[in-house]
Amino acid sequence: MAVLTDTGRAVRAEQIENALASVRMEGLEPSSEGKAIFQRYVDGEITNEEMGREIDNYFDRKY
């Protein structure tokens, strides 16, 4: 788990909010499981790479 400063956490939160805004502009809304994965990234529990793998695994299970 990464130890994040408040600034690091804020940067991650902004990255996720920007990504979600883009998805929502397409008329989509992430699942609760997707949002939970994103929150783990913001909280520093997982890296960007781990987040990508978890999202890929989620889609593999779902579809």
N, C-alpha and C. Protein backbone atom coordinates (compact mmCIF):
# COMPACT_ATOMS: atom_id res chain seq x y z
N MET A 1 0.85 -1.17 0.00
CA MET A 1 0.00 0.00 0.00
C MET A 1 0.90 1.23 0.00
N ALA A 2 0.56 2.17 -0.85
CA ALA A 2 1.32 3.42 -0.93
C ALA A 2 0.88 4.36 0.19
N VAL A 3 1.83 5.07 0.75
CA VAL A 3 1.51 6.09 1.75
C VAL A 3 1.38 7.40 1.00
N LEU A 4 0.19 7.95 1.01
CA LEU A 4 -0.09 9.17 0.25
C LEU A 4 -0.16 10.39 1.15
N THR A 5 0.33 11.48 0.64
CA THR A 5 0.12 12.76 1.30
C THR A 5 -1.29 13.22 0.93
N ASP A 6 -1.75 14.25 1.59
CA ASP A 6 -3.06 14.82 1.23
C ASP A 6 -3.06 15.29 -0.22
N THR A 7 -1.93 15.84 -0.65
CA THR A 7 -1.83 16.31 -2.03
C THR A 7 -1.88 15.13 -3.00
N GLY A 8 -1.17 14.06 -2.69
CA GLY A 8 -1.19 12.87 -3.54
C GLY A 8 -2.58 12.28 -3.66
N ARG A 9 -3.27 12.24 -2.54
CA ARG A 9 -4.65 11.72 -2.55
C ARG A 9 -5.55 12.64 -3.37
N ALA A 10 -5.37 13.94 -3.25
CA ALA A 10 -6.18 14.90 -4.00
C ALA A 10 -5.93 14.77 -5.49
N VAL A 11 -4.68 14.54 -5.87
CA VAL A 11 -4.35 14.35 -7.29
C VAL A 11 -5.04 13.11 -7.83
N ARG A 12 -4.97 12.02 -7.07
CA ARG A 12 -5.63 10.78 -7.50
C ARG A 12 -7.15 10.97 -7.59
N ALA A 13 -7.72 11.66 -6.62
CA ALA A 13 -9.17 11.89 -6.64
C ALA A 13 -9.56 12.71 -7.88
N GLU A 14 -8.75 13.71 -8.21
CA GLU A 14 -9.03 14.53 -9.39
C GLU A 14 -8.91 13.70 -10.67
N GLN A 15 -7.93 12.82 -10.74
CA GLN A 15 -7.79 11.95 -11.90
C GLN A 15 -9.03 11.09 -12.10
N ILE A 16 -9.50 10.52 -11.01
CA ILE A 16 -10.69 9.65 -11.09
C ILE A 16 -11.92 10.47 -11.45
N GLU A 17 -12.08 11.63 -10.85
CA GLU A 17 -13.24 12.48 -11.17
C GLU A 17 -13.24 12.87 -12.65
N ASN A 18 -12.07 13.19 -13.20
CA ASN A 18 -11.98 13.54 -14.62
C ASN A 18 -12.36 12.34 -15.49
N ALA A 19 -11.88 11.16 -15.12
CA ALA A 19 -12.21 9.96 -15.88
C ALA A 19 -13.71 9.67 -15.81
N LEU A 20 -14.28 9.81 -14.62
CA LEU A 20 -15.72 9.56 -14.46
C LEU A 20 -16.55 10.59 -15.23
N ALA A 21 -16.10 11.82 -15.25
CA ALA A 21 -16.82 12.86 -16.01
C ALA A 21 -16.86 12.50 -17.49
N SER A 22 -15.75 11.99 -18.00
CA SER A 22 -15.69 11.59 -19.40
C SER A 22 -16.65 10.44 -19.69
N VAL A 23 -16.68 9.45 -18.80
CA VAL A 23 -17.58 8.32 -18.95
C VAL A 23 -19.03 8.78 -18.89
N ARG A 24 -19.32 9.66 -17.97
CA ARG A 24 -20.70 10.14 -17.80
C ARG A 24 -21.15 10.97 -18.99
N MET A 25 -20.21 11.67 -19.63
CA MET A 25 -20.57 12.42 -20.84
C MET A 25 -21.02 11.49 -21.96
N GLU A 26 -20.58 10.24 -21.89
CA GLU A 26 -21.00 9.23 -22.86
C GLU A 26 -22.32 8.57 -22.45
N GLY A 27 -22.87 9.02 -21.33
CA GLY A 27 -24.15 8.49 -20.87
C GLY A 27 -24.02 7.22 -20.05
N LEU A 28 -22.84 6.95 -19.54
CA LEU A 28 -22.60 5.74 -18.76
C LEU A 28 -22.35 6.08 -17.30
N GLU A 29 -22.53 5.09 -16.45
CA GLU A 29 -22.25 5.25 -15.02
C GLU A 29 -21.52 3.99 -14.56
N PRO A 30 -20.37 4.14 -13.90
CA PRO A 30 -19.65 2.97 -13.44
C PRO A 30 -20.45 2.20 -12.39
N SER A 31 -20.18 0.91 -12.34
CA SER A 31 -20.84 0.06 -11.35
C SER A 31 -20.32 0.38 -9.96
N SER A 32 -21.02 -0.13 -8.97
CA SER A 32 -20.56 0.07 -7.59
C SER A 32 -19.22 -0.63 -7.38
N GLU A 33 -19.01 -1.78 -8.02
CA GLU A 33 -17.72 -2.47 -7.89
C GLU A 33 -16.61 -1.64 -8.54
N GLY A 34 -16.89 -1.06 -9.69
CA GLY A 34 -15.91 -0.19 -10.34
C GLY A 34 -15.57 1.00 -9.47
N LYS A 35 -16.59 1.63 -8.90
CA LYS A 35 -16.36 2.77 -8.02
C LYS A 35 -15.52 2.38 -6.80
N ALA A 36 -15.74 1.17 -6.29
CA ALA A 36 -14.97 0.70 -5.13
C ALA A 36 -13.49 0.53 -5.50
N ILE A 37 -13.25 0.03 -6.70
CA ILE A 37 -11.86 -0.12 -7.17
C ILE A 37 -11.22 1.25 -7.29
N PHE A 38 -11.94 2.19 -7.88
CA PHE A 38 -11.40 3.56 -8.02
C PHE A 38 -11.09 4.17 -6.65
N GLN A 39 -11.96 3.93 -5.68
CA GLN A 39 -11.75 4.48 -4.34
C GLN A 39 -10.51 3.88 -3.69
N ARG A 40 -10.27 2.60 -3.92
CA ARG A 40 -9.07 1.97 -3.39
C ARG A 40 -7.82 2.63 -3.96
N TYR A 41 -7.87 3.03 -5.24
CA TYR A 41 -6.76 3.75 -5.85
C TYR A 41 -6.58 5.11 -5.19
N VAL A 42 -7.67 5.84 -5.04
CA VAL A 42 -7.61 7.17 -4.40
C VAL A 42 -7.04 7.05 -2.99
N ASP A 43 -7.43 6.03 -2.27
CA ASP A 43 -6.99 5.84 -0.89
C ASP A 43 -5.55 5.33 -0.78
N GLY A 44 -4.93 5.01 -1.92
CA GLY A 44 -3.55 4.55 -1.90
C GLY A 44 -3.39 3.07 -1.62
N GLU A 45 -4.49 2.31 -1.66
CA GLU A 45 -4.41 0.88 -1.40
C GLU A 45 -3.83 0.12 -2.58
N ILE A 46 -4.00 0.66 -3.79
CA ILE A 46 -3.49 0.02 -5.00
C ILE A 46 -2.86 1.07 -5.91
N THR A 47 -1.98 0.62 -6.79
CA THR A 47 -1.35 1.52 -7.75
C THR A 47 -2.24 1.67 -8.98
N ASN A 48 -1.86 2.56 -9.86
CA ASN A 48 -2.58 2.74 -11.12
C ASN A 48 -2.59 1.43 -11.93
N GLU A 49 -1.46 0.76 -11.97
CA GLU A 49 -1.36 -0.50 -12.70
C GLU A 49 -2.26 -1.57 -12.09
N GLU A 50 -2.26 -1.64 -10.77
CA GLU A 50 -3.12 -2.61 -10.08
C GLU A 50 -4.59 -2.28 -10.33
N MET A 51 -4.93 -1.00 -10.34
CA MET A 51 -6.31 -0.59 -10.62
C MET A 51 -6.71 -1.08 -12.01
N GLY A 52 -5.84 -0.89 -12.98
CA GLY A 52 -6.13 -1.34 -14.34
C GLY A 52 -6.36 -2.83 -14.41
N ARG A 53 -5.51 -3.59 -13.71
CA ARG A 53 -5.68 -5.05 -13.70
C ARG A 53 -6.99 -5.46 -13.02
N GLU A 54 -7.33 -4.77 -11.92
CA GLU A 54 -8.57 -5.10 -11.23
C GLU A 54 -9.79 -4.79 -12.09
N ILE A 55 -9.75 -3.68 -12.81
CA ILE A 55 -10.86 -3.34 -13.72
C ILE A 55 -10.94 -4.39 -14.82
N ASP A 56 -9.79 -4.77 -15.39
CA ASP A 56 -9.78 -5.82 -16.42
C ASP A 56 -10.36 -7.12 -15.89
N ASN A 57 -9.95 -7.51 -14.68
CA ASN A 57 -10.47 -8.74 -14.07
C ASN A 57 -11.97 -8.65 -13.84
N TYR A 58 -12.44 -7.49 -13.42
CA TYR A 58 -13.88 -7.29 -13.21
C TYR A 58 -14.63 -7.50 -14.51
N PHE A 59 -14.15 -6.90 -15.60
CA PHE A 59 -14.82 -7.07 -16.89
C PHE A 59 -14.74 -8.51 -17.38
N ASP A 60 -13.62 -9.20 -17.13
CA ASP A 60 -13.50 -10.61 -17.51
C ASP A 60 -14.55 -11.45 -16.79
N ARG A 61 -14.77 -11.16 -15.51
CA ARG A 61 -15.78 -11.90 -14.74
C ARG A 61 -17.19 -11.57 -15.19
N LYS A 62 -17.41 -10.30 -15.49
CA LYS A 62 -18.77 -9.84 -15.83
C LYS A 62 -19.17 -10.24 -17.25
N TYR A 63 -18.24 -10.16 -18.16
CA TYR A 63 -18.57 -10.41 -19.57
C TYR A 63 -17.83 -11.62 -20.07
